[in-house]
N, C-alpha and C. Protein backbone atom coordinates (compact mmCIF):
# COMPACT_ATOMS: atom_id res chain seq x y z
N MET A 1 -26.77 25.38 -0.77
CA MET A 1 -25.59 24.81 -0.19
C MET A 1 -24.78 24.07 -1.26
N VAL A 2 -23.50 24.13 -1.09
CA VAL A 2 -22.62 23.46 -2.03
C VAL A 2 -22.03 22.24 -1.35
N GLY A 3 -22.00 21.14 -2.04
CA GLY A 3 -21.45 19.90 -1.48
C GLY A 3 -20.83 19.08 -2.58
N PRO A 4 -20.48 17.86 -2.28
CA PRO A 4 -19.87 17.01 -3.28
C PRO A 4 -20.86 16.70 -4.40
N SER A 5 -20.38 16.68 -5.62
CA SER A 5 -21.26 16.46 -6.76
C SER A 5 -21.32 14.99 -7.16
N ILE A 6 -20.53 14.13 -6.52
CA ILE A 6 -20.57 12.72 -6.84
C ILE A 6 -21.01 11.94 -5.60
N THR A 7 -21.60 10.79 -5.84
CA THR A 7 -22.11 9.99 -4.73
C THR A 7 -21.00 9.12 -4.14
N LYS A 8 -21.30 8.53 -3.00
CA LYS A 8 -20.33 7.66 -2.34
C LYS A 8 -20.05 6.42 -3.19
N ASP A 9 -21.08 5.90 -3.85
CA ASP A 9 -20.88 4.73 -4.72
C ASP A 9 -19.94 5.06 -5.88
N ASP A 10 -20.08 6.27 -6.44
CA ASP A 10 -19.18 6.68 -7.52
C ASP A 10 -17.74 6.80 -7.03
N ARG A 11 -17.56 7.32 -5.82
CA ARG A 11 -16.21 7.44 -5.24
C ARG A 11 -15.58 6.07 -5.04
N GLU A 12 -16.37 5.14 -4.49
CA GLU A 12 -15.85 3.78 -4.26
C GLU A 12 -15.53 3.08 -5.57
N LYS A 13 -16.37 3.26 -6.59
CA LYS A 13 -16.12 2.66 -7.90
C LYS A 13 -14.84 3.22 -8.51
N PHE A 14 -14.65 4.52 -8.40
CA PHE A 14 -13.44 5.14 -8.92
C PHE A 14 -12.20 4.63 -8.19
N LEU A 15 -12.30 4.44 -6.87
CA LEU A 15 -11.16 3.95 -6.10
C LEU A 15 -10.77 2.54 -6.54
N VAL A 16 -11.76 1.69 -6.79
CA VAL A 16 -11.47 0.33 -7.28
C VAL A 16 -10.80 0.40 -8.64
N GLN A 17 -11.31 1.25 -9.53
CA GLN A 17 -10.71 1.39 -10.85
C GLN A 17 -9.29 1.93 -10.76
N LEU A 18 -9.06 2.83 -9.84
CA LEU A 18 -7.72 3.38 -9.65
C LEU A 18 -6.74 2.30 -9.18
N LYS A 19 -7.19 1.48 -8.23
CA LYS A 19 -6.33 0.40 -7.73
C LYS A 19 -6.03 -0.63 -8.81
N VAL A 20 -7.04 -1.00 -9.59
CA VAL A 20 -6.83 -1.97 -10.67
C VAL A 20 -5.90 -1.39 -11.73
N GLY A 21 -6.11 -0.14 -12.09
CA GLY A 21 -5.23 0.50 -13.07
C GLY A 21 -3.79 0.59 -12.59
N PHE A 22 -3.62 0.89 -11.33
CA PHE A 22 -2.27 0.96 -10.75
C PHE A 22 -1.59 -0.40 -10.80
N ALA A 23 -2.33 -1.45 -10.42
CA ALA A 23 -1.77 -2.81 -10.43
C ALA A 23 -1.41 -3.23 -11.85
N LEU A 24 -2.28 -2.92 -12.82
CA LEU A 24 -1.99 -3.28 -14.20
C LEU A 24 -0.81 -2.49 -14.75
N LEU A 25 -0.67 -1.25 -14.34
CA LEU A 25 0.47 -0.45 -14.77
C LEU A 25 1.78 -1.04 -14.26
N VAL A 26 1.80 -1.43 -13.01
CA VAL A 26 3.01 -2.05 -12.44
C VAL A 26 3.31 -3.37 -13.15
N GLY A 27 2.29 -4.22 -13.33
CA GLY A 27 2.49 -5.51 -13.98
C GLY A 27 2.92 -5.37 -15.43
N GLY A 28 2.28 -4.46 -16.15
CA GLY A 28 2.64 -4.25 -17.55
C GLY A 28 4.05 -3.70 -17.72
N SER A 29 4.42 -2.79 -16.85
CA SER A 29 5.76 -2.22 -16.98
C SER A 29 6.83 -3.26 -16.64
N MET A 30 6.57 -4.12 -15.66
CA MET A 30 7.56 -5.15 -15.34
C MET A 30 7.64 -6.21 -16.44
N ALA A 31 6.52 -6.52 -17.09
CA ALA A 31 6.54 -7.45 -18.22
C ALA A 31 7.36 -6.86 -19.37
N LEU A 32 7.22 -5.56 -19.62
CA LEU A 32 8.02 -4.92 -20.66
C LEU A 32 9.50 -4.91 -20.30
N VAL A 33 9.81 -4.71 -19.05
CA VAL A 33 11.21 -4.76 -18.61
C VAL A 33 11.77 -6.16 -18.82
N ALA A 34 10.97 -7.17 -18.52
CA ALA A 34 11.42 -8.55 -18.72
C ALA A 34 11.65 -8.84 -20.20
N LEU A 35 10.76 -8.36 -21.05
CA LEU A 35 10.95 -8.55 -22.49
C LEU A 35 12.18 -7.80 -22.99
N TRP A 36 12.40 -6.62 -22.48
CA TRP A 36 13.55 -5.82 -22.89
C TRP A 36 14.85 -6.49 -22.46
N GLY A 37 14.78 -7.23 -21.37
CA GLY A 37 15.95 -7.93 -20.86
C GLY A 37 16.21 -9.24 -21.57
N ALA A 38 15.62 -9.49 -22.72
CA ALA A 38 15.85 -10.65 -23.59
C ALA A 38 15.36 -11.95 -22.95
N SER A 39 14.32 -11.89 -22.12
CA SER A 39 13.74 -13.13 -21.61
C SER A 39 12.65 -13.57 -22.59
N GLY A 40 12.22 -14.79 -22.47
CA GLY A 40 11.20 -15.31 -23.36
C GLY A 40 9.82 -14.77 -23.01
N PRO A 41 8.86 -14.96 -23.92
CA PRO A 41 7.50 -14.46 -23.67
C PRO A 41 6.83 -15.15 -22.47
N LEU A 42 7.14 -16.42 -22.24
CA LEU A 42 6.55 -17.12 -21.10
C LEU A 42 7.06 -16.55 -19.78
N VAL A 43 8.34 -16.24 -19.72
CA VAL A 43 8.92 -15.63 -18.52
C VAL A 43 8.34 -14.23 -18.33
N ALA A 44 8.22 -13.49 -19.41
CA ALA A 44 7.66 -12.13 -19.32
C ALA A 44 6.21 -12.17 -18.84
N LEU A 45 5.46 -13.18 -19.29
CA LEU A 45 4.08 -13.32 -18.83
C LEU A 45 4.04 -13.62 -17.33
N GLY A 46 4.89 -14.52 -16.88
CA GLY A 46 4.96 -14.84 -15.45
C GLY A 46 5.35 -13.64 -14.61
N VAL A 47 6.34 -12.90 -15.11
CA VAL A 47 6.77 -11.69 -14.41
C VAL A 47 5.63 -10.67 -14.37
N GLY A 48 4.89 -10.54 -15.47
CA GLY A 48 3.77 -9.60 -15.52
C GLY A 48 2.67 -9.96 -14.54
N VAL A 49 2.35 -11.26 -14.44
CA VAL A 49 1.31 -11.70 -13.50
C VAL A 49 1.77 -11.47 -12.06
N ALA A 50 3.00 -11.86 -11.76
CA ALA A 50 3.52 -11.68 -10.40
C ALA A 50 3.59 -10.20 -10.03
N ALA A 51 4.04 -9.38 -10.97
CA ALA A 51 4.16 -7.95 -10.69
C ALA A 51 2.78 -7.31 -10.56
N THR A 52 1.78 -7.82 -11.27
CA THR A 52 0.42 -7.29 -11.11
C THR A 52 -0.11 -7.59 -9.71
N LEU A 53 0.18 -8.77 -9.21
CA LEU A 53 -0.23 -9.09 -7.83
C LEU A 53 0.48 -8.19 -6.83
N VAL A 54 1.76 -7.98 -7.03
CA VAL A 54 2.51 -7.07 -6.15
C VAL A 54 1.96 -5.65 -6.28
N GLY A 55 1.63 -5.25 -7.51
CA GLY A 55 1.04 -3.93 -7.72
C GLY A 55 -0.30 -3.78 -7.03
N GLY A 56 -1.07 -4.86 -6.95
CA GLY A 56 -2.35 -4.82 -6.22
C GLY A 56 -2.14 -4.59 -4.74
N VAL A 57 -1.12 -5.25 -4.18
CA VAL A 57 -0.81 -5.04 -2.76
C VAL A 57 -0.33 -3.61 -2.54
N LEU A 58 0.53 -3.12 -3.44
CA LEU A 58 1.00 -1.73 -3.32
C LEU A 58 -0.15 -0.74 -3.44
N ALA A 59 -1.08 -1.01 -4.36
CA ALA A 59 -2.22 -0.11 -4.55
C ALA A 59 -3.10 -0.10 -3.30
N HIS A 60 -3.21 -1.24 -2.65
CA HIS A 60 -4.03 -1.32 -1.43
C HIS A 60 -3.46 -0.40 -0.34
N PHE A 61 -2.14 -0.34 -0.24
CA PHE A 61 -1.52 0.52 0.78
C PHE A 61 -1.37 1.96 0.32
N THR A 62 -1.19 2.16 -0.99
CA THR A 62 -1.00 3.51 -1.51
C THR A 62 -2.30 4.30 -1.53
N PHE A 63 -3.40 3.64 -1.87
CA PHE A 63 -4.71 4.29 -1.96
C PHE A 63 -5.66 3.64 -0.96
N PRO A 64 -5.67 4.10 0.29
CA PRO A 64 -6.53 3.47 1.30
C PRO A 64 -8.00 3.73 1.01
N ASP A 65 -8.86 2.91 1.60
CA ASP A 65 -10.30 3.04 1.38
C ASP A 65 -10.85 4.34 1.93
N SER A 66 -10.14 4.97 2.83
CA SER A 66 -10.63 6.22 3.42
C SER A 66 -10.67 7.36 2.41
N ILE A 67 -10.02 7.21 1.26
CA ILE A 67 -10.08 8.25 0.23
C ILE A 67 -11.50 8.40 -0.28
N ALA A 68 -12.24 7.31 -0.34
CA ALA A 68 -13.60 7.34 -0.89
C ALA A 68 -14.62 7.88 0.10
N GLU A 69 -14.23 8.10 1.34
CA GLU A 69 -15.19 8.59 2.33
C GLU A 69 -15.38 10.09 2.18
N THR A 70 -16.50 10.56 2.63
CA THR A 70 -16.82 11.99 2.58
C THR A 70 -17.04 12.49 4.00
N PRO A 71 -16.72 13.75 4.27
CA PRO A 71 -16.96 14.27 5.62
C PRO A 71 -18.43 14.52 5.92
N TYR A 72 -19.30 14.40 4.92
CA TYR A 72 -20.70 14.69 5.11
C TYR A 72 -21.44 13.41 5.50
N GLU A 73 -22.12 13.43 6.63
CA GLU A 73 -22.83 12.27 7.12
C GLU A 73 -24.11 12.02 6.32
N ASP A 74 -24.84 13.08 6.07
CA ASP A 74 -26.14 12.97 5.42
C ASP A 74 -26.11 13.82 4.16
N ASP A 75 -26.87 13.43 3.16
CA ASP A 75 -26.90 14.20 1.92
C ASP A 75 -27.49 15.59 2.11
N ARG A 76 -28.36 15.74 3.12
CA ARG A 76 -28.98 17.04 3.34
C ARG A 76 -28.06 18.01 4.05
N GLU A 77 -27.21 17.50 4.94
CA GLU A 77 -26.31 18.39 5.66
C GLU A 77 -25.00 18.48 4.90
N ARG A 78 -24.62 19.67 4.53
CA ARG A 78 -23.41 19.86 3.74
C ARG A 78 -22.27 20.47 4.53
N GLY A 79 -22.46 20.67 5.82
CA GLY A 79 -21.39 21.22 6.63
C GLY A 79 -21.27 22.72 6.48
N PRO A 80 -20.33 23.31 7.19
CA PRO A 80 -20.18 24.77 7.12
C PRO A 80 -19.58 25.19 5.79
N LYS A 81 -19.95 26.36 5.38
CA LYS A 81 -19.39 26.91 4.14
C LYS A 81 -17.93 27.28 4.38
N PRO A 82 -17.11 27.30 3.33
CA PRO A 82 -15.71 27.67 3.51
C PRO A 82 -15.57 29.05 4.14
N GLY A 83 -14.72 29.16 5.13
CA GLY A 83 -14.46 30.43 5.79
C GLY A 83 -15.34 30.69 7.01
N THR A 84 -16.32 29.83 7.26
CA THR A 84 -17.23 30.05 8.38
C THR A 84 -16.51 29.95 9.71
N ARG A 85 -15.65 28.95 9.86
CA ARG A 85 -14.94 28.78 11.14
C ARG A 85 -14.00 29.94 11.41
N MET A 86 -13.32 30.42 10.40
CA MET A 86 -12.42 31.56 10.58
C MET A 86 -13.20 32.80 10.97
N ARG A 87 -14.34 33.01 10.35
CA ARG A 87 -15.16 34.17 10.68
C ARG A 87 -15.65 34.08 12.12
N GLU A 88 -16.04 32.87 12.57
CA GLU A 88 -16.49 32.70 13.95
C GLU A 88 -15.36 32.96 14.94
N ARG A 89 -14.14 32.51 14.61
CA ARG A 89 -13.00 32.77 15.49
C ARG A 89 -12.73 34.27 15.60
N ARG A 90 -12.83 34.97 14.49
CA ARG A 90 -12.59 36.41 14.50
C ARG A 90 -13.64 37.14 15.33
N GLU A 91 -14.90 36.68 15.25
CA GLU A 91 -15.96 37.32 16.01
C GLU A 91 -15.81 37.08 17.51
N ARG A 92 -15.31 35.88 17.91
CA ARG A 92 -15.10 35.56 19.31
C ARG A 92 -13.89 36.28 19.89
N SER A 93 -12.95 36.59 19.05
CA SER A 93 -11.71 37.22 19.51
C SER A 93 -12.01 38.66 19.94
N ASP A 94 -11.53 39.05 21.13
CA ASP A 94 -11.79 40.41 21.63
C ASP A 94 -10.83 41.42 21.03
N GLY A 95 -9.55 41.14 21.15
CA GLY A 95 -8.57 42.12 20.68
C GLY A 95 -7.47 41.44 19.88
N GLY A 96 -7.80 40.90 18.75
CA GLY A 96 -6.82 40.17 17.95
C GLY A 96 -5.66 41.03 17.51
N GLU A 97 -5.92 42.29 17.22
CA GLU A 97 -4.84 43.17 16.74
C GLU A 97 -3.90 43.54 17.89
N THR A 98 -4.44 43.79 19.07
CA THR A 98 -3.56 44.16 20.18
C THR A 98 -2.75 42.98 20.66
N GLU A 99 -3.30 41.76 20.59
CA GLU A 99 -2.55 40.58 21.00
C GLU A 99 -1.33 40.38 20.13
N ALA A 100 -1.50 40.58 18.86
CA ALA A 100 -0.37 40.39 17.94
C ALA A 100 0.69 41.45 18.18
N SER A 101 0.28 42.69 18.44
CA SER A 101 1.27 43.74 18.64
C SER A 101 1.96 43.59 20.00
N ASP A 102 1.25 43.06 21.02
CA ASP A 102 1.87 42.86 22.33
C ASP A 102 2.94 41.77 22.29
N ARG A 103 2.72 40.75 21.50
CA ARG A 103 3.67 39.65 21.44
C ARG A 103 4.97 40.05 20.73
N ASN A 104 4.90 41.03 19.88
CA ASN A 104 6.08 41.43 19.12
C ASN A 104 6.89 42.52 19.82
N GLY A 105 6.49 42.88 21.03
CA GLY A 105 7.17 43.96 21.76
C GLY A 105 8.47 43.51 22.38
N PRO A 106 9.15 44.42 23.09
CA PRO A 106 10.43 44.07 23.73
C PRO A 106 10.22 43.05 24.85
N ARG A 107 11.25 42.30 25.13
CA ARG A 107 11.18 41.27 26.17
C ARG A 107 11.95 41.66 27.37
């Protein structure tokens, strides 16, 4: 069976790193904008800290915790293989070809 190759802890760790990186990117870019706008280093530092906090809030909403979840409940059960549901629908269908041709007929 094929399933996810990383654990839930690894997914959660990556999500935290992604959120921190996003917040630092927002804060760093705003600090550079403040420096480019001819403000002093102290003002740029304040802008960077404030923008990092805002970036943390944005990261919290942009990357929800549900990204780290997996559809697999147990490590042993990996769920259906890709295409299994479609194959089951085709097997249950009695006359899939005639249904499609009947719908396209004159009205």
